[in-house]
Amino acid sequence: MKNTRPVNLDLSKFRFPVTALASITHRVAGVILFVAIAFVLWALTKSLESKDGFEQVSQVMTHPLAKFVTWGILSAIAYHFIAGIKHLLMDAGFFETLETGPIASKVVFVLAAIAILSLGVWVW
């Protein structure tokens, strides 16, 4: 029996629809948030331990790398929140058609870009 399945897939040749990109990005943002819990819990715990702990966290947060990580976490929260609202609306029966689904995904990307840029200005 001959194997007719592709052996070496070149993933760069695939063109995903905007709805798939929005869904995949939503999942990636969720994974980023799961990993970010460690940093957020460390900062929260340390800052609530004592006045010295709060000062230490405040000093760490002035470093550009910490600001970048904070911006990344806030960006993941913003995108995940906005895309989550779209998914909840889809569960309620809205934006499920072939015409409205891509429009809703594009709106999510635009709103998320605005939120991410705004958060970047706020963090920096």
PDB file of N, CA and C in Angstrom:
ATOM      1  N   MET A   1       0.852  -1.162   0.000  1.00  0.00           N
ATOM      2  CA  MET A   1       0.000   0.000   0.000  1.00  0.00           C
ATOM      3  C   MET A   1       0.906   1.236   0.000  1.00  0.00           C
ATOM      4  N   LYS A   2       0.623   2.154  -0.903  1.00  0.00           N
ATOM      5  CA  LYS A   2       1.414   3.365  -1.052  1.00  0.00           C
ATOM      6  C   LYS A   2       0.923   4.455  -0.088  1.00  0.00           C
ATOM      7  N   ASN A   3       1.864   5.143   0.531  1.00  0.00           N
ATOM      8  CA  ASN A   3       1.544   6.231   1.456  1.00  0.00           C
ATOM      9  C   ASN A   3       1.325   7.510   0.645  1.00  0.00           C
ATOM     10  N   THR A   4       0.110   8.052   0.678  1.00  0.00           N
ATOM     11  CA  THR A   4      -0.206   9.245  -0.112  1.00  0.00           C
ATOM     12  C   THR A   4      -0.231  10.512   0.730  1.00  0.00           C
ATOM     13  N   ARG A   5       0.073  10.387   2.006  1.00  0.00           N
ATOM     14  CA  ARG A   5       0.077  11.569   2.862  1.00  0.00           C
ATOM     15  C   ARG A   5       1.341  12.379   2.606  1.00  0.00           C
ATOM     16  N   PRO A   6       1.268  13.691   2.790  1.00  0.00           N
ATOM     17  CA  PRO A   6       2.473  14.505   2.627  1.00  0.00           C
ATOM     18  C   PRO A   6       3.508  14.158   3.698  1.00  0.00           C
ATOM     19  N   VAL A   7       4.752  14.124   3.292  1.00  0.00           N
ATOM     20  CA  VAL A   7       5.820  13.753   4.209  1.00  0.00           C
ATOM     21  C   VAL A   7       6.403  14.989   4.881  1.00  0.00           C
ATOM     22  N   ASN A   8       6.768  15.989   4.110  1.00  0.00           N
ATOM     23  CA  ASN A   8       7.363  17.216   4.635  1.00  0.00           C
ATOM     24  C   ASN A   8       6.437  18.388   4.340  1.00  0.00           C
ATOM     25  N   LEU A   9       5.743  18.831   5.366  1.00  0.00           N
ATOM     26  CA  LEU A   9       4.836  19.962   5.188  1.00  0.00           C
ATOM     27  C   LEU A   9       5.590  21.265   5.386  1.00  0.00           C
ATOM     28  N   ASP A  10       5.432  22.169   4.459  1.00  0.00           N
ATOM     29  CA  ASP A  10       6.004  23.504   4.603  1.00  0.00           C
ATOM     30  C   ASP A  10       4.898  24.411   5.126  1.00  0.00           C
ATOM     31  N   LEU A  11       4.940  24.671   6.442  1.00  0.00           N
ATOM     32  CA  LEU A  11       3.859  25.422   7.070  1.00  0.00           C
ATOM     33  C   LEU A  11       3.795  26.868   6.595  1.00  0.00           C
ATOM     34  N   SER A  12       4.879  27.378   6.009  1.00  0.00           N
ATOM     35  CA  SER A  12       4.860  28.757   5.529  1.00  0.00           C
ATOM     36  C   SER A  12       3.995  28.912   4.279  1.00  0.00           C
ATOM     37  N   LYS A  13       3.623  27.812   3.644  1.00  0.00           N
ATOM     38  CA  LYS A  13       2.799  27.893   2.431  1.00  0.00           C
ATOM     39  C   LYS A  13       1.311  27.892   2.733  1.00  0.00           C
ATOM     40  N   PHE A  14       0.945  27.605   3.978  1.00  0.00           N
ATOM     41  CA  PHE A  14      -0.465  27.608   4.337  1.00  0.00           C
ATOM     42  C   PHE A  14      -0.952  29.037   4.506  1.00  0.00           C
ATOM     43  N   ARG A  15      -2.160  29.304   4.075  1.00  0.00           N
ATOM     44  CA  ARG A  15      -2.797  30.612   4.241  1.00  0.00           C
ATOM     45  C   ARG A  15      -4.067  30.404   5.056  1.00  0.00           C
ATOM     46  N   PHE A  16      -3.983  30.771   6.329  1.00  0.00           N
ATOM     47  CA  PHE A  16      -5.123  30.595   7.209  1.00  0.00           C
ATOM     48  C   PHE A  16      -6.101  31.746   7.053  1.00  0.00           C
ATOM     49  N   PRO A  17      -7.399  31.482   7.177  1.00  0.00           N
ATOM     50  CA  PRO A  17      -8.375  32.579   7.164  1.00  0.00           C
ATOM     51  C   PRO A  17      -8.238  33.424   8.429  1.00  0.00           C
ATOM     52  N   VAL A  18      -8.733  34.638   8.381  1.00  0.00           N
ATOM     53  CA  VAL A  18      -8.596  35.568   9.500  1.00  0.00           C
ATOM     54  C   VAL A  18      -9.279  35.027  10.758  1.00  0.00           C
ATOM     55  N   THR A  19     -10.326  34.257  10.590  1.00  0.00           N
ATOM     56  CA  THR A  19     -11.003  33.682  11.752  1.00  0.00           C
ATOM     57  C   THR A  19     -10.109  32.670  12.459  1.00  0.00           C
ATOM     58  N   ALA A  20      -9.366  31.884  11.689  1.00  0.00           N
ATOM     59  CA  ALA A  20      -8.448  30.913  12.287  1.00  0.00           C
ATOM     60  C   ALA A  20      -7.298  31.632  12.987  1.00  0.00           C
ATOM     61  N   LEU A  21      -6.781  32.692  12.379  1.00  0.00           N
ATOM     62  CA  LEU A  21      -5.703  33.457  13.005  1.00  0.00           C
ATOM     63  C   LEU A  21      -6.159  34.076  14.318  1.00  0.00           C
ATOM     64  N   ALA A  22      -7.392  34.584  14.343  1.00  0.00           N
ATOM     65  CA  ALA A  22      -7.920  35.169  15.580  1.00  0.00           C
ATOM     66  C   ALA A  22      -8.065  34.106  16.664  1.00  0.00           C
ATOM     67  N   SER A  23      -8.523  32.936  16.303  1.00  0.00           N
ATOM     68  CA  SER A  23      -8.706  31.860  17.267  1.00  0.00           C
ATOM     69  C   SER A  23      -7.364  31.343  17.776  1.00  0.00           C
ATOM     70  N   ILE A  24      -6.405  31.162  16.886  1.00  0.00           N
ATOM     71  CA  ILE A  24      -5.078  30.690  17.290  1.00  0.00           C
ATOM     72  C   ILE A  24      -4.404  31.719  18.188  1.00  0.00           C
ATOM     73  N   THR A  25      -4.512  32.989  17.841  1.00  0.00           N
ATOM     74  CA  THR A  25      -3.909  34.041  18.656  1.00  0.00           C
ATOM     75  C   THR A  25      -4.566  34.100  20.031  1.00  0.00           C
ATOM     76  N   HIS A  26      -5.864  33.848  20.094  1.00  0.00           N
ATOM     77  CA  HIS A  26      -6.567  33.809  21.370  1.00  0.00           C
ATOM     78  C   HIS A  26      -5.998  32.700  22.260  1.00  0.00           C
ATOM     79  N   ARG A  27      -5.727  31.548  21.672  1.00  0.00           N
ATOM     80  CA  ARG A  27      -5.161  30.433  22.429  1.00  0.00           C
ATOM     81  C   ARG A  27      -3.733  30.734  22.875  1.00  0.00           C
ATOM     82  N   VAL A  28      -2.948  31.344  21.990  1.00  0.00           N
ATOM     83  CA  VAL A  28      -1.566  31.701  22.338  1.00  0.00           C
ATOM     84  C   VAL A  28      -1.562  32.715  23.474  1.00  0.00           C
ATOM     85  N   ALA A  29      -2.466  33.686  23.428  1.00  0.00           N
ATOM     86  CA  ALA A  29      -2.560  34.672  24.514  1.00  0.00           C
ATOM     87  C   ALA A  29      -2.924  33.989  25.825  1.00  0.00           C
ATOM     88  N   GLY A  30      -3.767  32.981  25.775  1.00  0.00           N
ATOM     89  CA  GLY A  30      -4.111  32.232  26.980  1.00  0.00           C
ATOM     90  C   GLY A  30      -2.916  31.500  27.558  1.00  0.00           C
ATOM     91  N   VAL A  31      -2.084  30.910  26.708  1.00  0.00           N
ATOM     92  CA  VAL A  31      -0.873  30.224  27.175  1.00  0.00           C
ATOM     93  C   VAL A  31       0.100  31.238  27.782  1.00  0.00           C
ATOM     94  N   ILE A  32       0.245  32.395  27.137  1.00  0.00           N
ATOM     95  CA  ILE A  32       1.116  33.447  27.679  1.00  0.00           C
ATOM     96  C   ILE A  32       0.628  33.873  29.057  1.00  0.00           C
ATOM     97  N   LEU A  33      -0.665  34.018  29.225  1.00  0.00           N
ATOM     98  CA  LEU A  33      -1.213  34.406  30.520  1.00  0.00           C
ATOM     99  C   LEU A  33      -0.964  33.326  31.573  1.00  0.00           C
ATOM    100  N   PHE A  34      -1.057  32.076  31.177  1.00  0.00           N
ATOM    101  CA  PHE A  34      -0.791  30.987  32.118  1.00  0.00           C
ATOM    102  C   PHE A  34       0.657  31.039  32.608  1.00  0.00           C
ATOM    103  N   VAL A  35       1.586  31.269  31.689  1.00  0.00           N
ATOM    104  CA  VAL A  35       2.996  31.353  32.057  1.00  0.00           C
ATOM    105  C   VAL A  35       3.253  32.620  32.874  1.00  0.00           C
ATOM    106  N   ALA A  36       2.570  33.702  32.559  1.00  0.00           N
ATOM    107  CA  ALA A  36       2.787  34.985  33.225  1.00  0.00           C
ATOM    108  C   ALA A  36       2.294  34.988  34.661  1.00  0.00           C
ATOM    109  N   ILE A  37       1.478  34.020  35.013  1.00  0.00           N
ATOM    110  CA  ILE A  37       0.975  33.969  36.389  1.00  0.00           C
ATOM    111  C   ILE A  37       2.131  33.933  37.381  1.00  0.00           C
ATOM    112  N   ALA A  38       3.228  33.256  37.038  1.00  0.00           N
ATOM    113  CA  ALA A  38       4.373  33.160  37.945  1.00  0.00           C
ATOM    114  C   ALA A  38       4.941  34.549  38.247  1.00  0.00           C
ATOM    115  N   PHE A  39       5.148  35.363  37.221  1.00  0.00           N
ATOM    116  CA  PHE A  39       5.694  36.713  37.415  1.00  0.00           C
ATOM    117  C   PHE A  39       4.724  37.585  38.201  1.00  0.00           C
ATOM    118  N   VAL A  40       3.467  37.519  37.866  1.00  0.00           N
ATOM    119  CA  VAL A  40       2.465  38.354  38.525  1.00  0.00           C
ATOM    120  C   VAL A  40       2.318  37.966  39.997  1.00  0.00           C
ATOM    121  N   LEU A  41       2.280  36.673  40.275  1.00  0.00           N
ATOM    122  CA  LEU A  41       2.161  36.231  41.665  1.00  0.00           C
ATOM    123  C   LEU A  41       3.406  36.585  42.472  1.00  0.00           C
ATOM    124  N   TRP A  42       4.586  36.473  41.851  1.00  0.00           N
ATOM    125  CA  TRP A  42       5.809  36.871  42.553  1.00  0.00           C
ATOM    126  C   TRP A  42       5.735  38.346  42.927  1.00  0.00           C
ATOM    127  N   ALA A  43       5.387  39.199  41.955  1.00  0.00           N
ATOM    128  CA  ALA A  43       5.339  40.639  42.215  1.00  0.00           C
ATOM    129  C   ALA A  43       4.283  40.971  43.270  1.00  0.00           C
ATOM    130  N   LEU A  44       3.140  40.343  43.188  1.00  0.00           N
ATOM    131  CA  LEU A  44       2.081  40.607  44.158  1.00  0.00           C
ATOM    132  C   LEU A  44       2.485  40.149  45.559  1.00  0.00           C
ATOM    133  N   THR A  45       3.001  38.940  45.665  1.00  0.00           N
ATOM    134  CA  THR A  45       3.409  38.410  46.965  1.00  0.00           C
ATOM    135  C   THR A  45       4.522  39.249  47.580  1.00  0.00           C
ATOM    136  N   LYS A  46       5.525  39.551  46.768  1.00  0.00           N
ATOM    137  CA  LYS A  46       6.666  40.321  47.272  1.00  0.00           C
ATOM    138  C   LYS A  46       6.233  41.720  47.706  1.00  0.00           C
ATOM    139  N   SER A  47       5.367  42.346  46.934  1.00  0.00           N
ATOM    140  CA  SER A  47       4.962  43.713  47.263  1.00  0.00           C
ATOM    141  C   SER A  47       4.067  43.777  48.490  1.00  0.00           C
ATOM    142  N   LEU A  48       3.378  42.696  48.806  1.00  0.00           N
ATOM    143  CA  LEU A  48       2.492  42.679  49.971  1.00  0.00           C
ATOM    144  C   LEU A  48       3.165  42.168  51.241  1.00  0.00           C
ATOM    145  N   GLU A  49       4.385  41.624  51.099  1.00  0.00           N
ATOM    146  CA  GLU A  49       5.094  41.104  52.278  1.00  0.00           C
ATOM    147  C   GLU A  49       5.449  42.206  53.261  1.00  0.00           C
ATOM    148  N   SER A  50       6.058  43.252  52.746  1.00  0.00           N
ATOM    149  CA  SER A  50       6.536  44.329  53.621  1.00  0.00           C
ATOM    150  C   SER A  50       6.769  45.578  52.781  1.00  0.00           C
ATOM    151  N   LYS A  51       7.112  46.634  53.486  1.00  0.00           N
ATOM    152  CA  LYS A  51       7.427  47.884  52.792  1.00  0.00           C
ATOM    153  C   LYS A  51       8.689  47.718  51.947  1.00  0.00           C
ATOM    154  N   ASP A  52       9.669  46.973  52.468  1.00  0.00           N
ATOM    155  CA  ASP A  52      10.893  46.723  51.703  1.00  0.00           C
ATOM    156  C   ASP A  52      10.607  45.900  50.453  1.00  0.00           C
ATOM    157  N   GLY A  53       9.712  44.921  50.574  1.00  0.00           N
ATOM    158  CA  GLY A  53       9.329  44.125  49.414  1.00  0.00           C
ATOM    159  C   GLY A  53       8.657  44.973  48.351  1.00  0.00           C
ATOM    160  N   PHE A  54       7.799  45.882  48.800  1.00  0.00           N
ATOM    161  CA  PHE A  54       7.137  46.787  47.856  1.00  0.00           C
ATOM    162  C   PHE A  54       8.163  47.669  47.148  1.00  0.00           C
ATOM    163  N   GLU A  55       9.129  48.166  47.887  1.00  0.00           N
ATOM    164  CA  GLU A  55      10.188  48.998  47.289  1.00  0.00           C
ATOM    165  C   GLU A  55      11.019  48.183  46.304  1.00  0.00           C
ATOM    166  N   GLN A  56      11.276  46.929  46.621  1.00  0.00           N
ATOM    167  CA  GLN A  56      12.057  46.072  45.727  1.00  0.00           C
ATOM    168  C   GLN A  56      11.306  45.845  44.412  1.00  0.00           C
ATOM    169  N   VAL A  57      10.018  45.545  44.526  1.00  0.00           N
ATOM    170  CA  VAL A  57       9.215  45.336  43.315  1.00  0.00           C
ATOM    171  C   VAL A  57       9.130  46.635  42.519  1.00  0.00           C
ATOM    172  N   SER A  58       8.972  47.757  43.199  1.00  0.00           N
ATOM    173  CA  SER A  58       8.916  49.048  42.507  1.00  0.00           C
ATOM    174  C   SER A  58      10.211  49.319  41.766  1.00  0.00           C
ATOM    175  N   GLN A  59      11.328  48.961  42.376  1.00  0.00           N
ATOM    176  CA  GLN A  59      12.627  49.178  41.736  1.00  0.00           C
ATOM    177  C   GLN A  59      12.796  48.244  40.532  1.00  0.00           C
ATOM    178  N   VAL A  60      12.387  46.993  40.679  1.00  0.00           N
ATOM    179  CA  VAL A  60      12.480  46.047  39.561  1.00  0.00           C
ATOM    180  C   VAL A  60      11.624  46.521  38.390  1.00  0.00           C
ATOM    181  N   MET A  61      10.457  47.066  38.690  1.00  0.00           N
ATOM    182  CA  MET A  61       9.529  47.472  37.627  1.00  0.00           C
ATOM    183  C   MET A  61       9.997  48.691  36.850  1.00  0.00           C
ATOM    184  N   THR A  62      11.034  49.372  37.316  1.00  0.00           N
ATOM    185  CA  THR A  62      11.570  50.500  36.549  1.00  0.00           C
ATOM    186  C   THR A  62      12.538  50.045  35.471  1.00  0.00           C
ATOM    187  N   HIS A  63      12.978  48.785  35.509  1.00  0.00           N
ATOM    188  CA  HIS A  63      13.907  48.256  34.509  1.00  0.00           C
ATOM    189  C   HIS A  63      13.170  48.073  33.177  1.00  0.00           C
ATOM    190  N   PRO A  64      13.816  48.393  32.056  1.00  0.00           N
ATOM    191  CA  PRO A  64      13.140  48.267  30.752  1.00  0.00           C
ATOM    192  C   PRO A  64      12.645  46.847  30.442  1.00  0.00           C
ATOM    193  N   LEU A  65      13.388  45.824  30.874  1.00  0.00           N
ATOM    194  CA  LEU A  65      12.934  44.452  30.623  1.00  0.00           C
ATOM    195  C   LEU A  65      11.645  44.148  31.389  1.00  0.00           C
ATOM    196  N   ALA A  66      11.561  44.626  32.627  1.00  0.00           N
ATOM    197  CA  ALA A  66      10.345  44.424  33.416  1.00  0.00           C
ATOM    198  C   ALA A  66       9.174  45.177  32.794  1.00  0.00           C
ATOM    199  N   LYS A  67       9.438  46.372  32.281  1.00  0.00           N
ATOM    200  CA  LYS A  67       8.366  47.118  31.606  1.00  0.00           C
ATOM    201  C   LYS A  67       7.903  46.387  30.356  1.00  0.00           C
ATOM    202  N   PHE A  68       8.856  45.801  29.624  1.00  0.00           N
ATOM    203  CA  PHE A  68       8.502  45.058  28.409  1.00  0.00           C
ATOM    204  C   PHE A  68       7.667  43.826  28.759  1.00  0.00           C
ATOM    205  N   VAL A  69       8.077  43.107  29.813  1.00  0.00           N
ATOM    206  CA  VAL A  69       7.323  41.928  30.251  1.00  0.00           C
ATOM    207  C   VAL A  69       5.923  42.342  30.713  1.00  0.00           C
ATOM    208  N   THR A  70       5.850  43.433  31.450  1.00  0.00           N
ATOM    209  CA  THR A  70       4.549  43.936  31.906  1.00  0.00           C
ATOM    210  C   THR A  70       3.668  44.303  30.726  1.00  0.00           C
ATOM    211  N   TRP A  71       4.248  44.978  29.744  1.00  0.00           N
ATOM    212  CA  TRP A  71       3.490  45.328  28.542  1.00  0.00           C
ATOM    213  C   TRP A  71       3.028  44.072  27.810  1.00  0.00           C
ATOM    214  N   GLY A  72       3.879  43.060  27.747  1.00  0.00           N
ATOM    215  CA  GLY A  72       3.499  41.806  27.104  1.00  0.00           C
ATOM    216  C   GLY A  72       2.346  41.122  27.818  1.00  0.00           C
ATOM    217  N   ILE A  73       2.414  41.105  29.137  1.00  0.00           N
ATOM    218  CA  ILE A  73       1.338  40.483  29.916  1.00  0.00           C
ATOM    219  C   ILE A  73       0.035  41.256  29.740  1.00  0.00           C
ATOM    220  N   LEU A  74       0.112  42.575  29.820  1.00  0.00           N
ATOM    221  CA  LEU A  74      -1.093  43.392  29.637  1.00  0.00           C
ATOM    222  C   LEU A  74      -1.649  43.261  28.217  1.00  0.00           C
ATOM    223  N   SER A  75      -0.754  43.121  27.241  1.00  0.00           N
ATOM    224  CA  SER A  75      -1.194  42.929  25.851  1.00  0.00           C
ATOM    225  C   SER A  75      -1.924  41.602  25.702  1.00  0.00           C
ATOM    226  N   ALA A  76      -1.386  40.561  26.331  1.00  0.00           N
ATOM    227  CA  ALA A  76      -2.051  39.252  26.271  1.00  0.00           C
ATOM    228  C   ALA A  76      -3.416  39.310  26.948  1.00  0.00           C
ATOM    229  N   ILE A  77      -3.479  40.016  28.083  1.00  0.00           N
ATOM    230  CA  ILE A  77      -4.767  40.167  28.768  1.00  0.00           C
ATOM    231  C   ILE A  77      -5.763  40.892  27.874  1.00  0.00           C
ATOM    232  N   ALA A  78      -5.313  41.982  27.253  1.00  0.00           N
ATOM    233  CA  ALA A  78      -6.211  42.779  26.405  1.00  0.00           C
ATOM    234  C   ALA A  78      -6.729  41.965  25.228  1.00  0.00           C
ATOM    235  N   TYR A  79      -5.818  41.286  24.515  1.00  0.00           N
ATOM    236  CA  TYR A  79      -6.257  40.511  23.358  1.00  0.00           C
ATOM    237  C   TYR A  79      -7.164  39.364  23.798  1.00  0.00           C
ATOM    238  N   HIS A  80      -6.760  38.650  24.845  1.00  0.00           N
ATOM    239  CA  HIS A  80      -7.553  37.508  25.298  1.00  0.00           C
ATOM    240  C   HIS A  80      -8.948  37.952  25.741  1.00  0.00           C
ATOM    241  N   PHE A  81      -9.032  39.103  26.389  1.00  0.00           N
ATOM    242  CA  PHE A  81     -10.316  39.632  26.836  1.00  0.00           C
ATOM    243  C   PHE A  81     -11.208  39.991  25.640  1.00  0.00           C
ATOM    244  N   ILE A  82     -10.651  40.720  24.686  1.00  0.00           N
ATOM    245  CA  ILE A  82     -11.437  41.158  23.524  1.00  0.00           C
ATOM    246  C   ILE A  82     -11.871  39.957  22.687  1.00  0.00           C
ATOM    247  N   ALA A  83     -10.944  39.025  22.435  1.00  0.00           N
ATOM    248  CA  ALA A  83     -11.297  37.837  21.658  1.00  0.00           C
ATOM    249  C   ALA A  83     -12.267  36.952  22.439  1.00  0.00           C
ATOM    250  N   GLY A  84     -12.138  36.937  23.753  1.00  0.00           N
ATOM    251  CA  GLY A  84     -13.070  36.160  24.580  1.00  0.00           C
ATOM    252  C   GLY A  84     -14.490  36.680  24.478  1.00  0.00           C
ATOM    253  N   ILE A  85     -14.627  37.998  24.409  1.00  0.00           N
ATOM    254  CA  ILE A  85     -15.961  38.582  24.222  1.00  0.00           C
ATOM    255  C   ILE A  85     -16.543  38.152  22.878  1.00  0.00           C
ATOM    256  N   LYS A  86     -15.683  38.136  21.844  1.00  0.00           N
ATOM    257  CA  LYS A  86     -16.148  37.683  20.529  1.00  0.00           C
ATOM    258  C   LYS A  86     -16.597  36.220  20.596  1.00  0.00           C
ATOM    259  N   HIS A  87     -15.842  35.396  21.300  1.00  0.00           N
ATOM    260  CA  HIS A  87     -16.219  33.984  21.421  1.00  0.00           C
ATOM    261  C   HIS A  87     -17.520  33.820  22.213  1.00  0.00           C
ATOM    262  N   LEU A  88     -17.708  34.638  23.237  1.00  0.00           N
ATOM    263  CA  LEU A  88     -18.975  34.580  23.979  1.00  0.00           C
ATOM    264  C   LEU A  88     -20.149  34.992  23.096  1.00  0.00           C
ATOM    265  N   LEU A  89     -19.940  36.024  22.276  1.00  0.00           N
ATOM    266  CA  LEU A  89     -20.991  36.429  21.344  1.00  0.00           C
ATOM    267  C   LEU A  89     -21.276  35.324  20.324  1.00  0.00           C
ATOM    268  N   MET A  90     -20.221  34.636  19.892  1.00  0.00           N
ATOM    269  CA  MET A  90     -20.425  33.520  18.969  1.00  0.00           C
ATOM    270  C   MET A  90     -21.201  32.392  19.642  1.00  0.00           C
ATOM    271  N   ASP A  91     -20.929  32.152  20.925  1.00  0.00           N
ATOM    272  CA  ASP A  91     -21.689  31.130  21.659  1.00  0.00           C
ATOM    273  C   ASP A  91     -23.157  31.501  21.772  1.00  0.00           C
ATOM    274  N   ALA A  92     -23.434  32.808  21.760  1.00  0.00           N
ATOM    275  CA  ALA A  92     -24.819  33.278  21.840  1.00  0.00           C
ATOM    276  C   ALA A  92     -25.495  33.286  20.463  1.00  0.00           C
ATOM    277  N   GLY A  93     -24.737  32.947  19.415  1.00  0.00           N
ATOM    278  CA  GLY A  93     -25.330  32.845  18.083  1.00  0.00           C
ATOM    279  C   GLY A  93     -25.031  34.001  17.151  1.00  0.00           C
ATOM    280  N   PHE A  94     -24.181  34.912  17.558  1.00  0.00           N
ATOM    281  CA  PHE A  94     -23.830  36.047  16.711  1.00  0.00           C
ATOM    282  C   PHE A  94     -22.496  35.794  16.003  1.00  0.00           C
ATOM    283  N   PHE A  95     -22.311  36.412  14.860  1.00  0.00           N
ATOM    284  CA  PHE A  95     -21.044  36.399  14.103  1.00  0.00           C
ATOM    285  C   PHE A  95     -20.581  34.986  13.751  1.00  0.00           C
ATOM    286  N   GLU A  96     -21.520  34.123  13.422  1.00  0.00           N
ATOM    287  CA  GLU A  96     -21.177  32.741  13.087  1.00  0.00           C
ATOM    288  C   GLU A  96     -21.207  32.456  11.592  1.00  0.00           C
ATOM    289  N   THR A  97     -21.702  33.364  10.805  1.00  0.00           N
ATOM    290  CA  THR A  97     -21.830  33.094   9.380  1.00  0.00           C
ATOM    291  C   THR A  97     -20.511  33.349   8.663  1.00  0.00           C
ATOM    292  N   LEU A  98     -20.441  32.907   7.443  1.00  0.00           N
ATOM    293  CA  LEU A  98     -19.236  33.115   6.639  1.00  0.00           C
ATOM    294  C   LEU A  98     -19.000  34.590   6.323  1.00  0.00           C
ATOM    295  N   GLU A  99     -20.041  35.395   6.379  1.00  0.00           N
ATOM    296  CA  GLU A  99     -19.899  36.825   6.093  1.00  0.00           C
ATOM    297  C   GLU A  99     -19.499  37.612   7.345  1.00  0.00           C
ATOM    298  N   THR A 100     -20.116  37.301   8.487  1.00  0.00           N
ATOM    299  CA  THR A 100     -19.890  38.102   9.688  1.00  0.00           C
ATOM    300  C   THR A 100     -18.706  37.624  10.525  1.00  0.00           C
ATOM    301  N   GLY A 101     -18.320  36.361  10.412  1.00  0.00           N
ATOM    302  CA  GLY A 101     -17.199  35.836  11.184  1.00  0.00           C
ATOM    303  C   GLY A 101     -15.885  36.554  10.907  1.00  0.00           C
ATOM    304  N   PRO A 102     -15.496  36.691   9.628  1.00  0.00           N
ATOM    305  CA  PRO A 102     -14.254  37.411   9.335  1.00  0.00           C
ATOM    306  C   PRO A 102     -14.300  38.883   9.734  1.00  0.00           C
ATOM    307  N   ILE A 103     -15.461  39.502   9.629  1.00  0.00           N
ATOM    308  CA  ILE A 103     -15.578  40.910  10.036  1.00  0.00           C
ATOM    309  C   ILE A 103     -15.349  41.031  11.537  1.00  0.00           C
ATOM    310  N   ALA A 104     -15.954  40.129  12.308  1.00  0.00           N
ATOM    311  CA  ALA A 104     -15.778  40.161  13.758  1.00  0.00           C
ATOM    312  C   ALA A 104     -14.318  39.924  14.141  1.00  0.00           C
ATOM    313  N   SER A 105     -13.643  39.026  13.432  1.00  0.00           N
ATOM    314  CA  SER A 105     -12.234  38.766  13.723  1.00  0.00           C
ATOM    315  C   SER A 105     -11.372  39.979  13.412  1.00  0.00           C
ATOM    316  N   LYS A 106     -11.681  40.666  12.319  1.00  0.00           N
ATOM    317  CA  LYS A 106     -10.928  41.880  11.985  1.00  0.00           C
ATOM    318  C   LYS A 106     -11.169  42.973  13.025  1.00  0.00           C
ATOM    319  N   VAL A 107     -12.396  43.069  13.507  1.00  0.00           N
ATOM    320  CA  VAL A 107     -12.700  44.049  14.559  1.00  0.00           C
ATOM    321  C   VAL A 107     -11.907  43.722  15.823  1.00  0.00           C
ATOM    322  N   VAL A 108     -11.801  42.444  16.144  1.00  0.00           N
ATOM    323  CA  VAL A 108     -11.017  42.031  17.317  1.00  0.00           C
ATOM    324  C   VAL A 108      -9.566  42.464  17.148  1.00  0.00           C
ATOM    325  N   PHE A 109      -8.987  42.234  15.973  1.00  0.00           N
ATOM    326  CA  PHE A 109      -7.594  42.619  15.740  1.00  0.00           C
ATOM    327  C   PHE A 109      -7.403  44.133  15.855  1.00  0.00           C
ATOM    328  N   VAL A 110      -8.344  44.894  15.317  1.00  0.00           N
ATOM    329  CA  VAL A 110      -8.226  46.355  15.374  1.00  0.00           C
ATOM    330  C   VAL A 110      -8.364  46.855  16.810  1.00  0.00           C
ATOM    331  N   LEU A 111      -9.374  46.375  17.513  1.00  0.00           N
ATOM    332  CA  LEU A 111      -9.562  46.792  18.908  1.00  0.00           C
ATOM    333  C   LEU A 111      -8.377  46.380  19.775  1.00  0.00           C
ATOM    334  N   ALA A 112      -7.861  45.176  19.538  1.00  0.00           N
ATOM    335  CA  ALA A 112      -6.712  44.708  20.312  1.00  0.00           C
ATOM    336  C   ALA A 112      -5.477  45.544  20.004  1.00  0.00           C
ATOM    337  N   ALA A 113      -5.282  45.915  18.744  1.00  0.00           N
ATOM    338  CA  ALA A 113      -4.130  46.758  18.398  1.00  0.00           C
ATOM    339  C   ALA A 113      -4.219  48.114  19.079  1.00  0.00           C
ATOM    340  N   ILE A 114      -5.400  48.685  19.095  1.00  0.00           N
ATOM    341  CA  ILE A 114      -5.589  49.970  19.779  1.00  0.00           C
ATOM    342  C   ILE A 114      -5.309  49.822  21.273  1.00  0.00           C
ATOM    343  N   ALA A 115      -5.825  48.758  21.878  1.00  0.00           N
ATOM    344  CA  ALA A 115      -5.613  48.528  23.311  1.00  0.00           C
ATOM    345  C   ALA A 115      -4.138  48.277  23.619  1.00  0.00           C
ATOM    346  N   ILE A 116      -3.467  47.496  22.785  1.00  0.00           N
ATOM    347  CA  ILE A 116      -2.060  47.170  23.017  1.00  0.00           C
ATOM    348  C   ILE A 116      -1.186  48.407  22.878  1.00  0.00           C
ATOM    349  N   LEU A 117      -1.449  49.223  21.877  1.00  0.00           N
ATOM    350  CA  LEU A 117      -0.683  50.464  21.727  1.00  0.00           C
ATOM    351  C   LEU A 117      -0.945  51.419  22.890  1.00  0.00           C
ATOM    352  N   SER A 118      -2.182  51.500  23.321  1.00  0.00           N
ATOM    353  CA  SER A 118      -2.506  52.356  24.467  1.00  0.00           C
ATOM    354  C   SER A 118      -1.816  51.862  25.739  1.00  0.00           C
ATOM    355  N   LEU A 119      -1.791  50.551  25.925  1.00  0.00           N
ATOM    356  CA  LEU A 119      -1.114  49.998  27.091  1.00  0.00           C
ATOM    357  C   LEU A 119       0.392  50.227  27.021  1.00  0.00           C
ATOM    358  N   GLY A 120       0.938  50.172  25.815  1.00  0.00           N
ATOM    359  CA  GLY A 120       2.363  50.451  25.652  1.00  0.00           C
ATOM    360  C   GLY A 120       2.714  51.863  26.041  1.00  0.00           C
ATOM    361  N   VAL A 121       1.873  52.813  25.666  1.00  0.00           N
ATOM    362  CA  VAL A 121       2.097  54.213  26.068  1.00  0.00           C
ATOM    363  C   VAL A 121       1.966  54.350  27.570  1.00  0.00           C
ATOM    364  N   TRP A 122       1.014  53.638  28.161  1.00  0.00           N
ATOM    365  CA  TRP A 122       0.791  53.741  29.612  1.00  0.00           C
ATOM    366  C   TRP A 122       1.956  53.132  30.397  1.00  0.00           C
ATOM    367  N   VAL A 123       2.473  51.971  29.944  1.00  0.00           N
ATOM    368  CA  VAL A 123       3.546  51.293  30.670  1.00  0.00           C
ATOM    369  C   VAL A 123       4.863  52.053  30.535  1.00  0.00           C
ATOM    370  N   TRP A 124       5.153  52.556  29.352  1.00  0.00           N
ATOM    371  CA  TRP A 124       6.451  53.217  29.136  1.00  0.00           C
ATOM    372  C   TRP A 124       6.365  54.651  29.555  1.00  0.00           C
TER     373      TRP A 124
END
